């Protein structure tokens, strides 16, 4: 296995890690958005319940 083969494999590994990190980041953003939405809904319904 030559040096160029080794570097190609290394590049593939880096790309895979990069893809996984991107995937995790986008999932975290989804969770954060859902959390913020749920927080807003909770405040909204709490506000309504206080008015009733």
C-alpha atoms as a PDB file:
ATOM      1  CA  UNK A   1       0.000   0.000   0.000  1.00  0.00           C
ATOM      2  CA  UNK A   2       1.576   3.257  -1.144  1.00  0.00           C
ATOM      3  CA  UNK A   3       1.517   6.572   0.607  1.00  0.00           C
ATOM      4  CA  UNK A   4      -1.140   7.888  -1.796  1.00  0.00           C
ATOM      5  CA  UNK A   5      -3.462   4.964  -0.919  1.00  0.00           C
ATOM      6  CA  UNK A   6      -2.964   5.687   2.760  1.00  0.00           C
ATOM      7  CA  UNK A   7      -3.762   9.379   2.238  1.00  0.00           C
ATOM      8  CA  UNK A   8      -6.889   8.519   0.237  1.00  0.00           C
ATOM      9  CA  UNK A   9      -8.127   6.252   3.038  1.00  0.00           C
ATOM     10  CA  UNK A  10      -7.328   8.957   5.569  1.00  0.00           C
ATOM     11  CA  UNK A  11      -9.312  11.484   3.495  1.00  0.00           C
ATOM     12  CA  UNK A  12     -12.272   9.060   3.455  1.00  0.00           C
ATOM     13  CA  UNK A  13     -12.107   8.709   7.236  1.00  0.00           C
ATOM     14  CA  UNK A  14     -12.001  12.491   7.684  1.00  0.00           C
ATOM     15  CA  UNK A  15     -14.974  12.868   5.317  1.00  0.00           C
ATOM     16  CA  UNK A  16     -16.962  10.239   7.247  1.00  0.00           C
ATOM     17  CA  UNK A  17     -16.246  11.948  10.566  1.00  0.00           C
ATOM     18  CA  UNK A  18     -17.201  15.302   9.053  1.00  0.00           C
ATOM     19  CA  UNK A  19     -20.496  13.841   7.804  1.00  0.00           C
ATOM     20  CA  UNK A  20     -21.286  12.376  11.230  1.00  0.00           C
ATOM     21  CA  UNK A  21     -20.547  15.681  12.959  1.00  0.00           C
ATOM     22  CA  UNK A  22     -22.796  17.513  10.488  1.00  0.00           C
ATOM     23  CA  UNK A  23     -25.572  14.987  11.109  1.00  0.00           C
ATOM     24  CA  UNK A  24     -25.267  15.319  14.897  1.00  0.00           C
ATOM     25  CA  UNK A  25     -25.258  19.121  14.634  1.00  0.00           C
ATOM     26  CA  UNK A  26     -28.420  19.187  12.537  1.00  0.00           C
ATOM     27  CA  UNK A  27     -30.153  16.798  14.963  1.00  0.00           C
ATOM     28  CA  UNK A  28     -29.141  19.033  17.875  1.00  0.00           C
ATOM     29  CA  UNK A  29     -30.566  22.068  16.076  1.00  0.00           C
ATOM     30  CA  UNK A  30     -33.846  20.209  15.545  1.00  0.00           C
ATOM     31  CA  UNK A  31     -34.002  19.271  19.225  1.00  0.00           C
ATOM     32  CA  UNK A  32     -33.242  22.874  20.210  1.00  0.00           C
ATOM     33  CA  UNK A  33     -35.970  24.218  17.918  1.00  0.00           C
ATOM     34  CA  UNK A  34     -38.490  21.708  19.277  1.00  0.00           C
ATOM     35  CA  UNK A  35     -37.514  22.603  22.836  1.00  0.00           C
ATOM     36  CA  UNK A  36     -37.966  26.327  22.154  1.00  0.00           C
ATOM     37  CA  UNK A  37     -41.324  25.676  20.480  1.00  0.00           C
ATOM     38  CA  UNK A  38     -42.509  23.553  23.414  1.00  0.00           C
ATOM     39  CA  UNK A  39     -41.335  26.240  25.824  1.00  0.00           C
ATOM     40  CA  UNK A  40     -43.339  28.875  23.938  1.00  0.00           C
ATOM     41  CA  UNK A  41     -46.426  26.647  23.852  1.00  0.00           C
ATOM     42  CA  UNK A  42     -46.121  26.005  27.586  1.00  0.00           C
ATOM     43  CA  UNK A  43     -45.900  29.741  28.301  1.00  0.00           C
ATOM     44  CA  UNK A  44     -48.861  30.382  25.988  1.00  0.00           C
ATOM     45  CA  UNK A  45     -51.097  27.797  27.667  1.00  0.00           C
ATOM     46  CA  UNK A  46     -49.953  28.889  31.113  1.00  0.00           C
ATOM     47  CA  UNK A  47     -50.947  32.453  30.172  1.00  0.00           C
ATOM     48  CA  UNK A  48     -54.369  31.281  28.969  1.00  0.00           C
ATOM     49  CA  UNK A  49     -54.939  29.219  32.123  1.00  0.00           C
ATOM     50  CA  UNK A  50     -54.200  32.284  34.274  1.00  0.00           C
ATOM     51  CA  UNK A  51     -56.772  34.324  32.320  1.00  0.00           C
ATOM     52  CA  UNK A  52     -59.528  31.739  32.754  1.00  0.00           C
END
